[in-house]
Amino acid sequence: MSDTDVIEIAMQTMTVALKLSAPILVTALVVGFVISLFQSMTQIQEFTLAFVPKVIAVGIAVLISGNWMMHTLVNFTQDLFAMVPDLLS
Protein backbone atom coordinates (compact mmCIF):
# COMPACT_ATOMS: atom_id res chain seq x y z
CA MET A 1 0.00 0.00 0.00
CA SER A 2 1.61 3.19 -1.18
CA ASP A 3 1.10 6.81 -0.24
CA THR A 4 -0.83 7.34 -3.47
CA ASP A 5 -3.32 4.63 -2.52
CA VAL A 6 -3.89 6.17 0.90
CA ILE A 7 -4.41 9.63 -0.59
CA GLU A 8 -6.80 8.26 -3.21
CA ILE A 9 -8.89 6.47 -0.56
CA ALA A 10 -8.90 9.58 1.62
CA MET A 11 -10.05 11.76 -1.28
CA GLN A 12 -12.81 9.29 -2.19
CA THR A 13 -13.91 9.21 1.45
CA MET A 14 -14.08 13.00 1.67
CA THR A 15 -15.99 13.18 -1.62
CA VAL A 16 -18.55 10.63 -0.42
CA ALA A 17 -18.88 12.46 2.91
CA LEU A 18 -19.49 15.73 1.07
CA LYS A 19 -22.09 14.12 -1.20
CA LEU A 20 -23.89 12.53 1.74
CA SER A 21 -23.97 15.67 3.87
CA ALA A 22 -24.90 18.10 1.08
CA PRO A 23 -28.69 17.53 0.98
CA ILE A 24 -29.03 17.94 4.74
CA LEU A 25 -26.72 20.94 5.04
CA VAL A 26 -28.16 22.78 2.04
CA THR A 27 -31.70 22.23 3.32
CA ALA A 28 -30.82 23.54 6.78
CA LEU A 29 -28.99 26.50 5.26
CA VAL A 30 -31.86 27.51 2.97
CA VAL A 31 -34.55 27.10 5.63
CA GLY A 32 -32.41 28.94 8.20
CA PHE A 33 -31.85 31.82 5.78
CA VAL A 34 -35.55 32.10 4.93
CA ILE A 35 -36.56 32.02 8.60
CA SER A 36 -33.89 34.57 9.52
CA LEU A 37 -35.07 36.84 6.73
CA PHE A 38 -38.66 36.49 7.96
CA GLN A 39 -37.60 37.20 11.55
CA SER A 40 -35.64 40.29 10.58
CA MET A 41 -38.52 41.64 8.51
CA THR A 42 -41.12 41.09 11.24
CA GLN A 43 -38.78 41.68 14.22
CA ILE A 44 -39.92 38.43 15.84
CA GLN A 45 -37.03 36.96 17.81
CA GLU A 46 -38.27 33.53 18.84
CA PHE A 47 -35.79 30.62 19.00
CA THR A 48 -38.36 27.91 18.28
CA LEU A 49 -39.45 29.75 15.14
CA ALA A 50 -36.02 29.05 13.67
CA PHE A 51 -35.46 25.60 15.18
CA VAL A 52 -38.70 23.73 14.47
CA PRO A 53 -38.90 24.44 10.71
CA LYS A 54 -35.23 23.42 10.31
CA VAL A 55 -35.83 20.11 12.09
CA ILE A 56 -38.90 19.41 9.96
CA ALA A 57 -37.13 20.37 6.72
CA VAL A 58 -34.06 18.27 7.54
CA GLY A 59 -36.31 15.32 8.37
CA ILE A 60 -38.05 15.68 5.01
CA ALA A 61 -34.68 15.96 3.25
CA VAL A 62 -33.50 12.74 4.92
CA LEU A 63 -36.72 10.97 3.91
CA ILE A 64 -36.37 12.12 0.31
CA SER A 65 -32.64 11.54 -0.13
CA GLY A 66 -32.12 8.73 2.39
CA ASN A 67 -32.40 5.94 -0.18
CA TRP A 68 -29.82 7.61 -2.42
CA MET A 69 -27.54 8.25 0.55
CA MET A 70 -27.69 4.62 1.66
CA HIS A 71 -27.09 3.40 -1.89
CA THR A 72 -24.05 5.69 -2.23
CA LEU A 73 -22.60 4.56 1.09
CA VAL A 74 -23.12 0.86 0.32
CA ASN A 75 -21.47 1.23 -3.11
CA PHE A 76 -18.52 3.06 -1.57
CA THR A 77 -18.10 0.36 1.08
CA GLN A 78 -18.28 -2.42 -1.52
CA ASP A 79 -15.66 -0.61 -3.63
CA LEU A 80 -13.39 -0.33 -0.59
CA PHE A 81 -13.71 -4.05 0.19
CA ALA A 82 -13.05 -4.85 -3.49
CA MET A 83 -9.85 -2.78 -3.35
CA VAL A 84 -8.40 -4.64 -0.33
CA PRO A 85 -6.73 -7.50 -2.28
CA ASP A 86 -5.06 -5.01 -4.63
CA LEU A 87 -3.84 -2.89 -1.72
CA LEU A 88 -2.30 -5.84 0.13
CA SER A 89 -0.18 -7.01 -2.76
PDB file of N, CA and C in Angstrom:
ATOM      1  N   MET A   1       0.842  -1.162   0.000  1.00  0.00           N
ATOM      2  CA  MET A   1       0.000   0.000   0.000  1.00  0.00           C
ATOM      3  C   MET A   1       0.892   1.231   0.000  1.00  0.00           C
ATOM      4  N   SER A   2       0.737   2.023  -1.038  1.00  0.00           N
ATOM      5  CA  SER A   2       1.607   3.189  -1.184  1.00  0.00           C
ATOM      6  C   SER A   2       0.900   4.448  -0.678  1.00  0.00           C
ATOM      7  N   ASP A   3       1.672   5.531  -0.654  1.00  0.00           N
ATOM      8  CA  ASP A   3       1.101   6.814  -0.241  1.00  0.00           C
ATOM      9  C   ASP A   3       0.003   7.264  -1.194  1.00  0.00           C
ATOM     10  N   THR A   4       0.162   6.962  -2.466  1.00  0.00           N
ATOM     11  CA  THR A   4      -0.834   7.343  -3.467  1.00  0.00           C
ATOM     12  C   THR A   4      -2.162   6.642  -3.205  1.00  0.00           C
ATOM     13  N   ASP A   5      -2.095   5.377  -2.834  1.00  0.00           N
ATOM     14  CA  ASP A   5      -3.320   4.633  -2.519  1.00  0.00           C
ATOM     15  C   ASP A   5      -4.052   5.235  -1.320  1.00  0.00           C
ATOM     16  N   VAL A   6      -3.289   5.588  -0.307  1.00  0.00           N
ATOM     17  CA  VAL A   6      -3.889   6.174   0.897  1.00  0.00           C
ATOM     18  C   VAL A   6      -4.537   7.511   0.571  1.00  0.00           C
ATOM     19  N   ILE A   7      -3.859   8.328  -0.211  1.00  0.00           N
ATOM     20  CA  ILE A   7      -4.406   9.635  -0.587  1.00  0.00           C
ATOM     21  C   ILE A   7      -5.649   9.466  -1.451  1.00  0.00           C
ATOM     22  N   GLU A   8      -5.633   8.499  -2.354  1.00  0.00           N
ATOM     23  CA  GLU A   8      -6.799   8.258  -3.207  1.00  0.00           C
ATOM     24  C   GLU A   8      -8.014   7.818  -2.378  1.00  0.00           C
ATOM     25  N   ILE A   9      -7.791   6.920  -1.424  1.00  0.00           N
ATOM     26  CA  ILE A   9      -8.887   6.467  -0.559  1.00  0.00           C
ATOM     27  C   ILE A   9      -9.402   7.624   0.298  1.00  0.00           C
ATOM     28  N   ALA A  10      -8.488   8.438   0.802  1.00  0.00           N
ATOM     29  CA  ALA A  10      -8.897   9.584   1.622  1.00  0.00           C
ATOM     30  C   ALA A  10      -9.709  10.582   0.800  1.00  0.00           C
ATOM     31  N   MET A  11      -9.314  10.826  -0.425  1.00  0.00           N
ATOM     32  CA  MET A  11     -10.054  11.762  -1.279  1.00  0.00           C
ATOM     33  C   MET A  11     -11.433  11.206  -1.628  1.00  0.00           C
ATOM     34  N   GLN A  12     -11.506   9.906  -1.915  1.00  0.00           N
ATOM     35  CA  GLN A  12     -12.808   9.293  -2.187  1.00  0.00           C
ATOM     36  C   GLN A  12     -13.710   9.367  -0.958  1.00  0.00           C
ATOM     37  N   THR A  13     -13.135   9.149   0.216  1.00  0.00           N
ATOM     38  CA  THR A  13     -13.909   9.213   1.454  1.00  0.00           C
ATOM     39  C   THR A  13     -14.450  10.616   1.688  1.00  0.00           C
ATOM     40  N   MET A  14     -13.626  11.626   1.478  1.00  0.00           N
ATOM     41  CA  MET A  14     -14.083  13.002   1.665  1.00  0.00           C
ATOM     42  C   MET A  14     -15.140  13.388   0.633  1.00  0.00           C
ATOM     43  N   THR A  15     -15.000  12.895  -0.584  1.00  0.00           N
ATOM     44  CA  THR A  15     -15.992  13.180  -1.615  1.00  0.00           C
ATOM     45  C   THR A  15     -17.336  12.552  -1.267  1.00  0.00           C
ATOM     46  N   VAL A  16     -17.311  11.305  -0.809  1.00  0.00           N
ATOM     47  CA  VAL A  16     -18.551  10.635  -0.419  1.00  0.00           C
ATOM     48  C   VAL A  16     -19.176  11.338   0.785  1.00  0.00           C
ATOM     49  N   ALA A  17     -18.354  11.746   1.743  1.00  0.00           N
ATOM     50  CA  ALA A  17     -18.876  12.456   2.911  1.00  0.00           C
ATOM     51  C   ALA A  17     -19.524  13.778   2.510  1.00  0.00           C
ATOM     52  N   LEU A  18     -18.920  14.479   1.561  1.00  0.00           N
ATOM     53  CA  LEU A  18     -19.495  15.728   1.069  1.00  0.00           C
ATOM     54  C   LEU A  18     -20.805  15.489   0.345  1.00  0.00           C
ATOM     55  N   LYS A  19     -20.848  14.450  -0.485  1.00  0.00           N
ATOM     56  CA  LYS A  19     -22.090  14.119  -1.199  1.00  0.00           C
ATOM     57  C   LYS A  19     -23.204  13.751  -0.232  1.00  0.00           C
ATOM     58  N   LEU A  20     -22.876  12.984   0.807  1.00  0.00           N
ATOM     59  CA  LEU A  20     -23.893  12.533   1.744  1.00  0.00           C
ATOM     60  C   LEU A  20     -24.401  13.658   2.646  1.00  0.00           C
ATOM     61  N   SER A  21     -23.549  14.595   2.984  1.00  0.00           N
ATOM     62  CA  SER A  21     -23.971  15.673   3.874  1.00  0.00           C
ATOM     63  C   SER A  21     -24.604  16.846   3.145  1.00  0.00           C
ATOM     64  N   ALA A  22     -24.404  16.945   1.835  1.00  0.00           N
ATOM     65  CA  ALA A  22     -24.898  18.103   1.084  1.00  0.00           C
ATOM     66  C   ALA A  22     -26.413  18.296   1.158  1.00  0.00           C
ATOM     67  N   PRO A  23     -27.239  17.276   0.934  1.00  0.00           N
ATOM     68  CA  PRO A  23     -28.687  17.527   0.978  1.00  0.00           C
ATOM     69  C   PRO A  23     -29.163  18.053   2.336  1.00  0.00           C
ATOM     70  N   ILE A  24     -28.616  17.522   3.407  1.00  0.00           N
ATOM     71  CA  ILE A  24     -29.035  17.943   4.739  1.00  0.00           C
ATOM     72  C   ILE A  24     -28.539  19.353   5.039  1.00  0.00           C
ATOM     73  N   LEU A  25     -27.279  19.621   4.745  1.00  0.00           N
ATOM     74  CA  LEU A  25     -26.718  20.935   5.044  1.00  0.00           C
ATOM     75  C   LEU A  25     -27.336  22.037   4.202  1.00  0.00           C
ATOM     76  N   VAL A  26     -27.556  21.766   2.919  1.00  0.00           N
ATOM     77  CA  VAL A  26     -28.159  22.776   2.044  1.00  0.00           C
ATOM     78  C   VAL A  26     -29.593  23.064   2.486  1.00  0.00           C
ATOM     79  N   THR A  27     -30.327  22.030   2.841  1.00  0.00           N
ATOM     80  CA  THR A  27     -31.699  22.227   3.316  1.00  0.00           C
ATOM     81  C   THR A  27     -31.720  23.081   4.583  1.00  0.00           C
ATOM     82  N   ALA A  28     -30.877  22.758   5.540  1.00  0.00           N
ATOM     83  CA  ALA A  28     -30.823  23.535   6.783  1.00  0.00           C
ATOM     84  C   ALA A  28     -30.389  24.972   6.518  1.00  0.00           C
ATOM     85  N   LEU A  29     -29.456  25.157   5.588  1.00  0.00           N
ATOM     86  CA  LEU A  29     -28.987  26.502   5.257  1.00  0.00           C
ATOM     87  C   LEU A  29     -30.088  27.342   4.623  1.00  0.00           C
ATOM     88  N   VAL A  30     -30.806  26.772   3.668  1.00  0.00           N
ATOM     89  CA  VAL A  30     -31.855  27.511   2.971  1.00  0.00           C
ATOM     90  C   VAL A  30     -33.004  27.837   3.926  1.00  0.00           C
ATOM     91  N   VAL A  31     -33.441  26.860   4.688  1.00  0.00           N
ATOM     92  CA  VAL A  31     -34.546  27.097   5.631  1.00  0.00           C
ATOM     93  C   VAL A  31     -34.120  28.105   6.698  1.00  0.00           C
ATOM     94  N   GLY A  32     -32.913  27.993   7.200  1.00  0.00           N
ATOM     95  CA  GLY A  32     -32.414  28.942   8.195  1.00  0.00           C
ATOM     96  C   GLY A  32     -32.343  30.357   7.641  1.00  0.00           C
ATOM     97  N   PHE A  33     -31.922  30.497   6.402  1.00  0.00           N
ATOM     98  CA  PHE A  33     -31.854  31.822   5.777  1.00  0.00           C
ATOM     99  C   PHE A  33     -33.243  32.421   5.603  1.00  0.00           C
ATOM    100  N   VAL A  34     -34.188  31.611   5.131  1.00  0.00           N
ATOM    101  CA  VAL A  34     -35.554  32.100   4.926  1.00  0.00           C
ATOM    102  C   VAL A  34     -36.181  32.508   6.255  1.00  0.00           C
ATOM    103  N   ILE A  35     -35.999  31.693   7.290  1.00  0.00           N
ATOM    104  CA  ILE A  35     -36.560  32.016   8.599  1.00  0.00           C
ATOM    105  C   ILE A  35     -35.895  33.260   9.177  1.00  0.00           C
ATOM    106  N   SER A  36     -34.595  33.385   9.028  1.00  0.00           N
ATOM    107  CA  SER A  36     -33.893  34.572   9.523  1.00  0.00           C
ATOM    108  C   SER A  36     -34.353  35.825   8.796  1.00  0.00           C
ATOM    109  N   LEU A  37     -34.562  35.709   7.507  1.00  0.00           N
ATOM    110  CA  LEU A  37     -35.072  36.840   6.733  1.00  0.00           C
ATOM    111  C   LEU A  37     -36.466  37.230   7.219  1.00  0.00           C
ATOM    112  N   PHE A  38     -37.311  36.238   7.446  1.00  0.00           N
ATOM    113  CA  PHE A  38     -38.658  36.492   7.959  1.00  0.00           C
ATOM    114  C   PHE A  38     -38.596  37.151   9.343  1.00  0.00           C
ATOM    115  N   GLN A  39     -37.716  36.634  10.204  1.00  0.00           N
ATOM    116  CA  GLN A  39     -37.597  37.198  11.548  1.00  0.00           C
ATOM    117  C   GLN A  39     -37.086  38.638  11.519  1.00  0.00           C
ATOM    118  N   SER A  40     -36.163  38.929  10.639  1.00  0.00           N
ATOM    119  CA  SER A  40     -35.643  40.295  10.582  1.00  0.00           C
ATOM    120  C   SER A  40     -36.666  41.253   9.991  1.00  0.00           C
ATOM    121  N   MET A  41     -37.499  40.780   9.090  1.00  0.00           N
ATOM    122  CA  MET A  41     -38.521  41.643   8.510  1.00  0.00           C
ATOM    123  C   MET A  41     -39.650  41.911   9.503  1.00  0.00           C
ATOM    124  N   THR A  42     -40.005  40.930  10.304  1.00  0.00           N
ATOM    125  CA  THR A  42     -41.123  41.093  11.242  1.00  0.00           C
ATOM    126  C   THR A  42     -40.656  41.428  12.659  1.00  0.00           C
ATOM    127  N   GLN A  43     -39.378  41.418  12.910  1.00  0.00           N
ATOM    128  CA  GLN A  43     -38.775  41.678  14.215  1.00  0.00           C
ATOM    129  C   GLN A  43     -39.270  40.717  15.295  1.00  0.00           C
ATOM    130  N   ILE A  44     -39.572  39.494  14.889  1.00  0.00           N
ATOM    131  CA  ILE A  44     -39.921  38.434  15.838  1.00  0.00           C
ATOM    132  C   ILE A  44     -38.645  37.675  16.154  1.00  0.00           C
ATOM    133  N   GLN A  45     -38.253  37.641  17.416  1.00  0.00           N
ATOM    134  CA  GLN A  45     -37.031  36.956  17.813  1.00  0.00           C
ATOM    135  C   GLN A  45     -37.375  35.767  18.701  1.00  0.00           C
ATOM    136  N   GLU A  46     -37.886  34.736  18.113  1.00  0.00           N
ATOM    137  CA  GLU A  46     -38.271  33.530  18.839  1.00  0.00           C
ATOM    138  C   GLU A  46     -37.377  32.379  18.383  1.00  0.00           C
ATOM    139  N   PHE A  47     -36.730  31.691  19.332  1.00  0.00           N
ATOM    140  CA  PHE A  47     -35.793  30.617  19.002  1.00  0.00           C
ATOM    141  C   PHE A  47     -36.498  29.445  18.327  1.00  0.00           C
ATOM    142  N   THR A  48     -37.670  29.075  18.838  1.00  0.00           N
ATOM    143  CA  THR A  48     -38.362  27.915  18.278  1.00  0.00           C
ATOM    144  C   THR A  48     -38.849  28.170  16.863  1.00  0.00           C
ATOM    145  N   LEU A  49     -39.042  29.430  16.499  1.00  0.00           N
ATOM    146  CA  LEU A  49     -39.452  29.751  15.138  1.00  0.00           C
ATOM    147  C   LEU A  49     -38.360  29.385  14.138  1.00  0.00           C
ATOM    148  N   ALA A  50     -37.121  29.436  14.561  1.00  0.00           N
ATOM    149  CA  ALA A  50     -36.018  29.052  13.674  1.00  0.00           C
ATOM    150  C   ALA A  50     -35.710  27.557  13.777  1.00  0.00           C
ATOM    151  N   PHE A  51     -35.887  26.979  14.954  1.00  0.00           N
ATOM    152  CA  PHE A  51     -35.464  25.598  15.180  1.00  0.00           C
ATOM    153  C   PHE A  51     -36.440  24.575  14.606  1.00  0.00           C
ATOM    154  N   VAL A  52     -37.703  24.728  14.870  1.00  0.00           N
ATOM    155  CA  VAL A  52     -38.697  23.727  14.474  1.00  0.00           C
ATOM    156  C   VAL A  52     -38.786  23.558  12.947  1.00  0.00           C
ATOM    157  N   PRO A  53     -38.858  24.639  12.163  1.00  0.00           N
ATOM    158  CA  PRO A  53     -38.896  24.436  10.706  1.00  0.00           C
ATOM    159  C   PRO A  53     -37.634  23.767  10.151  1.00  0.00           C
ATOM    160  N   LYS A  54     -36.474  24.072  10.756  1.00  0.00           N
ATOM    161  CA  LYS A  54     -35.234  23.421  10.312  1.00  0.00           C
ATOM    162  C   LYS A  54     -35.281  21.923  10.574  1.00  0.00           C
ATOM    163  N   VAL A  55     -35.752  21.537  11.752  1.00  0.00           N
ATOM    164  CA  VAL A  55     -35.833  20.113  12.091  1.00  0.00           C
ATOM    165  C   VAL A  55     -36.792  19.400  11.149  1.00  0.00           C
ATOM    166  N   ILE A  56     -37.924  20.017  10.869  1.00  0.00           N
ATOM    167  CA  ILE A  56     -38.895  19.410   9.955  1.00  0.00           C
ATOM    168  C   ILE A  56     -38.328  19.309   8.549  1.00  0.00           C
ATOM    169  N   ALA A  57     -37.687  20.377   8.077  1.00  0.00           N
ATOM    170  CA  ALA A  57     -37.126  20.374   6.718  1.00  0.00           C
ATOM    171  C   ALA A  57     -35.996  19.357   6.580  1.00  0.00           C
ATOM    172  N   VAL A  58     -35.146  19.256   7.588  1.00  0.00           N
ATOM    173  CA  VAL A  58     -34.056  18.274   7.536  1.00  0.00           C
ATOM    174  C   VAL A  58     -34.621  16.861   7.565  1.00  0.00           C
ATOM    175  N   GLY A  59     -35.661  16.640   8.348  1.00  0.00           N
ATOM    176  CA  GLY A  59     -36.307  15.323   8.372  1.00  0.00           C
ATOM    177  C   GLY A  59     -36.879  14.960   7.012  1.00  0.00           C
ATOM    178  N   ILE A  60     -37.511  15.921   6.354  1.00  0.00           N
ATOM    179  CA  ILE A  60     -38.052  15.676   5.014  1.00  0.00           C
ATOM    180  C   ILE A  60     -36.918  15.418   4.022  1.00  0.00           C
ATOM    181  N   ALA A  61     -35.818  16.167   4.152  1.00  0.00           N
ATOM    182  CA  ALA A  61     -34.677  15.958   3.255  1.00  0.00           C
ATOM    183  C   ALA A  61     -34.085  14.565   3.436  1.00  0.00           C
ATOM    184  N   VAL A  62     -34.023  14.092   4.668  1.00  0.00           N
ATOM    185  CA  VAL A  62     -33.505  12.739   4.924  1.00  0.00           C
ATOM    186  C   VAL A  62     -34.453  11.691   4.339  1.00  0.00           C
ATOM    187  N   LEU A  63     -35.758  11.915   4.489  1.00  0.00           N
ATOM    188  CA  LEU A  63     -36.721  10.970   3.910  1.00  0.00           C
ATOM    189  C   LEU A  63     -36.620  10.918   2.395  1.00  0.00           C
ATOM    190  N   ILE A  64     -36.438  12.070   1.774  1.00  0.00           N
ATOM    191  CA  ILE A  64     -36.375  12.118   0.312  1.00  0.00           C
ATOM    192  C   ILE A  64     -35.058  11.551  -0.215  1.00  0.00           C
ATOM    193  N   SER A  65     -33.947  11.944   0.401  1.00  0.00           N
ATOM    194  CA  SER A  65     -32.644  11.545  -0.131  1.00  0.00           C
ATOM    195  C   SER A  65     -32.016  10.370   0.614  1.00  0.00           C
ATOM    196  N   GLY A  66     -32.702   9.809   1.591  1.00  0.00           N
ATOM    197  CA  GLY A  66     -32.119   8.727   2.391  1.00  0.00           C
ATOM    198  C   GLY A  66     -31.783   7.484   1.589  1.00  0.00           C
ATOM    199  N   ASN A  67     -32.659   7.122   0.657  1.00  0.00           N
ATOM    200  CA  ASN A  67     -32.404   5.944  -0.177  1.00  0.00           C
ATOM    201  C   ASN A  67     -31.140   6.136  -1.015  1.00  0.00           C
ATOM    202  N   TRP A  68     -31.013   7.316  -1.616  1.00  0.00           N
ATOM    203  CA  TRP A  68     -29.823   7.612  -2.422  1.00  0.00           C
ATOM    204  C   TRP A  68     -28.566   7.625  -1.543  1.00  0.00           C
ATOM    205  N   MET A  69     -28.689   8.190  -0.344  1.00  0.00           N
ATOM    206  CA  MET A  69     -27.544   8.255   0.554  1.00  0.00           C
ATOM    207  C   MET A  69     -27.089   6.851   0.954  1.00  0.00           C
ATOM    208  N   MET A  70     -28.034   5.986   1.279  1.00  0.00           N
ATOM    209  CA  MET A  70     -27.690   4.616   1.665  1.00  0.00           C
ATOM    210  C   MET A  70     -27.066   3.870   0.493  1.00  0.00           C
ATOM    211  N   HIS A  71     -27.622   4.048  -0.697  1.00  0.00           N
ATOM    212  CA  HIS A  71     -27.087   3.396  -1.892  1.00  0.00           C
ATOM    213  C   HIS A  71     -25.651   3.859  -2.152  1.00  0.00           C
ATOM    214  N   THR A  72     -25.400   5.151  -2.023  1.00  0.00           N
ATOM    215  CA  THR A  72     -24.051   5.693  -2.227  1.00  0.00           C
ATOM    216  C   THR A  72     -23.075   5.131  -1.212  1.00  0.00           C
ATOM    217  N   LEU A  73     -23.480   5.066   0.036  1.00  0.00           N
ATOM    218  CA  LEU A  73     -22.602   4.561   1.088  1.00  0.00           C
ATOM    219  C   LEU A  73     -22.312   3.074   0.925  1.00  0.00           C
ATOM    220  N   VAL A  74     -23.322   2.298   0.528  1.00  0.00           N
ATOM    221  CA  VAL A  74     -23.119   0.860   0.315  1.00  0.00           C
ATOM    222  C   VAL A  74     -22.179   0.625  -0.866  1.00  0.00           C
ATOM    223  N   ASN A  75     -22.373   1.370  -1.952  1.00  0.00           N
ATOM    224  CA  ASN A  75     -21.475   1.234  -3.110  1.00  0.00           C
ATOM    225  C   ASN A  75     -20.034   1.594  -2.750  1.00  0.00           C
ATOM    226  N   PHE A  76     -19.859   2.656  -1.981  1.00  0.00           N
ATOM    227  CA  PHE A  76     -18.518   3.056  -1.572  1.00  0.00           C
ATOM    228  C   PHE A  76     -17.867   1.977  -0.708  1.00  0.00           C
ATOM    229  N   THR A  77     -18.629   1.413   0.219  1.00  0.00           N
ATOM    230  CA  THR A  77     -18.103   0.359   1.080  1.00  0.00           C
ATOM    231  C   THR A  77     -17.739  -0.891   0.276  1.00  0.00           C
ATOM    232  N   GLN A  78     -18.580  -1.264  -0.679  1.00  0.00           N
ATOM    233  CA  GLN A  78     -18.277  -2.417  -1.524  1.00  0.00           C
ATOM    234  C   GLN A  78     -17.030  -2.160  -2.360  1.00  0.00           C
ATOM    235  N   ASP A  79     -16.873  -0.945  -2.860  1.00  0.00           N
ATOM    236  CA  ASP A  79     -15.663  -0.609  -3.626  1.00  0.00           C
ATOM    237  C   ASP A  79     -14.418  -0.690  -2.754  1.00  0.00           C
ATOM    238  N   LEU A  80     -14.532  -0.242  -1.501  1.00  0.00           N
ATOM    239  CA  LEU A  80     -13.388  -0.335  -0.594  1.00  0.00           C
ATOM    240  C   LEU A  80     -13.005  -1.790  -0.319  1.00  0.00           C
ATOM    241  N   PHE A  81     -14.010  -2.632  -0.064  1.00  0.00           N
ATOM    242  CA  PHE A  81     -13.714  -4.046   0.185  1.00  0.00           C
ATOM    243  C   PHE A  81     -13.150  -4.722  -1.066  1.00  0.00           C
ATOM    244  N   ALA A  82     -13.582  -4.287  -2.243  1.00  0.00           N
ATOM    245  CA  ALA A  82     -13.053  -4.851  -3.488  1.00  0.00           C
ATOM    246  C   ALA A  82     -11.597  -4.426  -3.719  1.00  0.00           C
ATOM    247  N   MET A  83     -11.211  -3.275  -3.164  1.00  0.00           N
ATOM    248  CA  MET A  83      -9.848  -2.785  -3.350  1.00  0.00           C
ATOM    249  C   MET A  83      -8.844  -3.433  -2.390  1.00  0.00           C
ATOM    250  N   VAL A  84      -9.309  -4.092  -1.352  1.00  0.00           N
ATOM    251  CA  VAL A  84      -8.404  -4.641  -0.326  1.00  0.00           C
ATOM    252  C   VAL A  84      -7.392  -5.617  -0.904  1.00  0.00           C
ATOM    253  N   PRO A  85      -7.764  -6.593  -1.750  1.00  0.00           N
ATOM    254  CA  PRO A  85      -6.727  -7.497  -2.280  1.00  0.00           C
ATOM    255  C   PRO A  85      -5.646  -6.777  -3.088  1.00  0.00           C
ATOM    256  N   ASP A  86      -6.045  -5.768  -3.851  1.00  0.00           N
ATOM    257  CA  ASP A  86      -5.056  -5.015  -4.630  1.00  0.00           C
ATOM    258  C   ASP A  86      -4.141  -4.207  -3.740  1.00  0.00           C
ATOM    259  N   LEU A  87      -4.648  -3.716  -2.626  1.00  0.00           N
ATOM    260  CA  LEU A  87      -3.840  -2.893  -1.725  1.00  0.00           C
ATOM    261  C   LEU A  87      -2.862  -3.736  -0.923  1.00  0.00           C
ATOM    262  N   LEU A  88      -3.190  -4.988  -0.663  1.00  0.00           N
ATOM    263  CA  LEU A  88      -2.302  -5.844   0.126  1.00  0.00           C
ATOM    264  C   LEU A  88      -1.136  -6.401  -0.671  1.00  0.00           C
ATOM    265  N   SER A  89      -1.281  -6.429  -1.965  1.00  0.00           N
ATOM    266  CA  SER A  89      -0.176  -7.005  -2.763  1.00  0.00           C
ATOM    267  C   SER A  89       0.859  -5.986  -3.146  1.00  0.00           C
TER     268      SER A  89
END
